[in-house]
């Protein structure tokens, strides 16, 4: 029981670090609403440009926003 908790925390930390590396290398992901198709169907069946991604089909990943926030705080603290 005592070795399960440290292993689980190390696994979670490793996953978070891998995700931040992916976000640093590839900051863009597919839009969740339109799934990268740039448009979605409305309730009456017509197609409309996705309002969440403005019809681009891509979005900035959450991890990339976190990295940008950390960099901005570091830069502002060292001025």
Protein backbone atom coordinates (compact mmCIF):
# COMPACT_ATOMS: atom_id res chain seq x y z
CA UNK A 1 0.00 0.00 0.00
CA UNK A 2 2.83 2.39 0.75
CA UNK A 3 4.42 2.02 -2.69
CA UNK A 4 1.20 2.55 -4.65
CA UNK A 5 0.75 6.20 -3.71
CA UNK A 6 4.26 7.36 -4.74
CA UNK A 7 4.05 5.40 -7.98
CA UNK A 8 0.66 6.91 -8.80
CA UNK A 9 1.92 10.42 -8.08
CA UNK A 10 5.02 9.84 -10.22
CA UNK A 11 2.84 8.55 -13.05
CA UNK A 12 0.61 11.64 -12.83
CA UNK A 13 3.63 13.93 -12.76
CA UNK A 14 5.16 12.13 -15.76
CA UNK A 15 1.90 12.46 -17.69
CA UNK A 16 1.70 16.19 -16.91
CA UNK A 17 5.30 16.76 -18.01
CA UNK A 18 4.74 14.86 -21.26
CA UNK A 19 1.62 16.92 -21.95
CA UNK A 20 3.50 20.18 -21.39
CA UNK A 21 6.25 19.04 -23.78
CA UNK A 22 3.60 18.24 -26.41
CA UNK A 23 1.99 21.64 -25.85
CA UNK A 24 5.34 23.38 -26.25
CA UNK A 25 6.08 21.51 -29.49
CA UNK A 26 2.58 21.63 -30.97
CA UNK A 27 0.45 24.40 -29.44
CA UNK A 28 -2.55 23.92 -31.72
CA UNK A 29 -5.25 21.29 -31.36
CA UNK A 30 -8.49 20.54 -33.16
CA UNK A 31 -11.55 22.52 -32.12
CA UNK A 32 -13.75 20.48 -29.79
CA UNK A 33 -17.02 21.82 -31.09
CA UNK A 34 -16.54 21.29 -34.84
CA UNK A 35 -13.79 18.61 -34.45
CA UNK A 36 -11.59 20.49 -36.94
CA UNK A 37 -14.24 20.56 -39.70
CA UNK A 38 -14.55 24.39 -39.50
CA UNK A 39 -18.34 24.24 -39.51
CA UNK A 40 -21.11 22.47 -37.66
CA UNK A 41 -24.74 21.63 -38.23
CA UNK A 42 -27.38 23.79 -36.62
CA UNK A 43 -30.61 22.51 -35.10
CA UNK A 44 -32.49 22.95 -38.40
CA UNK A 45 -29.82 21.08 -40.37
CA UNK A 46 -27.95 23.91 -42.10
CA UNK A 47 -24.20 24.36 -41.84
CA UNK A 48 -22.66 27.33 -40.08
CA UNK A 49 -19.07 28.39 -39.38
CA UNK A 50 -17.97 27.36 -35.92
CA UNK A 51 -18.20 30.30 -33.52
CA UNK A 52 -15.77 28.83 -31.01
CA UNK A 53 -12.82 28.67 -33.43
CA UNK A 54 -14.08 31.34 -35.88
CA UNK A 55 -14.13 28.80 -38.69
CA UNK A 56 -10.43 27.89 -38.49
CA UNK A 57 -10.87 24.40 -37.04
CA UNK A 58 -8.01 24.85 -34.57
CA UNK A 59 -7.65 26.10 -31.00
CA UNK A 60 -4.85 26.81 -28.55
CA UNK A 61 -4.29 23.93 -26.14
CA UNK A 62 -4.87 24.49 -22.42
CA UNK A 63 -1.29 23.49 -21.62
CA UNK A 64 0.05 26.09 -24.04
CA UNK A 65 -2.02 28.78 -22.33
CA UNK A 66 -0.54 27.63 -19.03
CA UNK A 67 3.00 27.81 -20.42
CA UNK A 68 2.36 31.32 -21.80
CA UNK A 69 0.98 32.44 -18.43
CA UNK A 70 4.02 31.08 -16.58
CA UNK A 71 6.39 32.77 -19.04
CA UNK A 72 4.54 36.09 -18.72
CA UNK A 73 4.63 35.94 -14.91
CA UNK A 74 8.35 35.11 -14.97
CA UNK A 75 9.07 37.93 -17.43
CA UNK A 76 7.03 40.46 -15.42
CA UNK A 77 8.71 39.45 -12.19
CA UNK A 78 12.19 40.00 -13.60
CA UNK A 79 11.74 43.48 -15.02
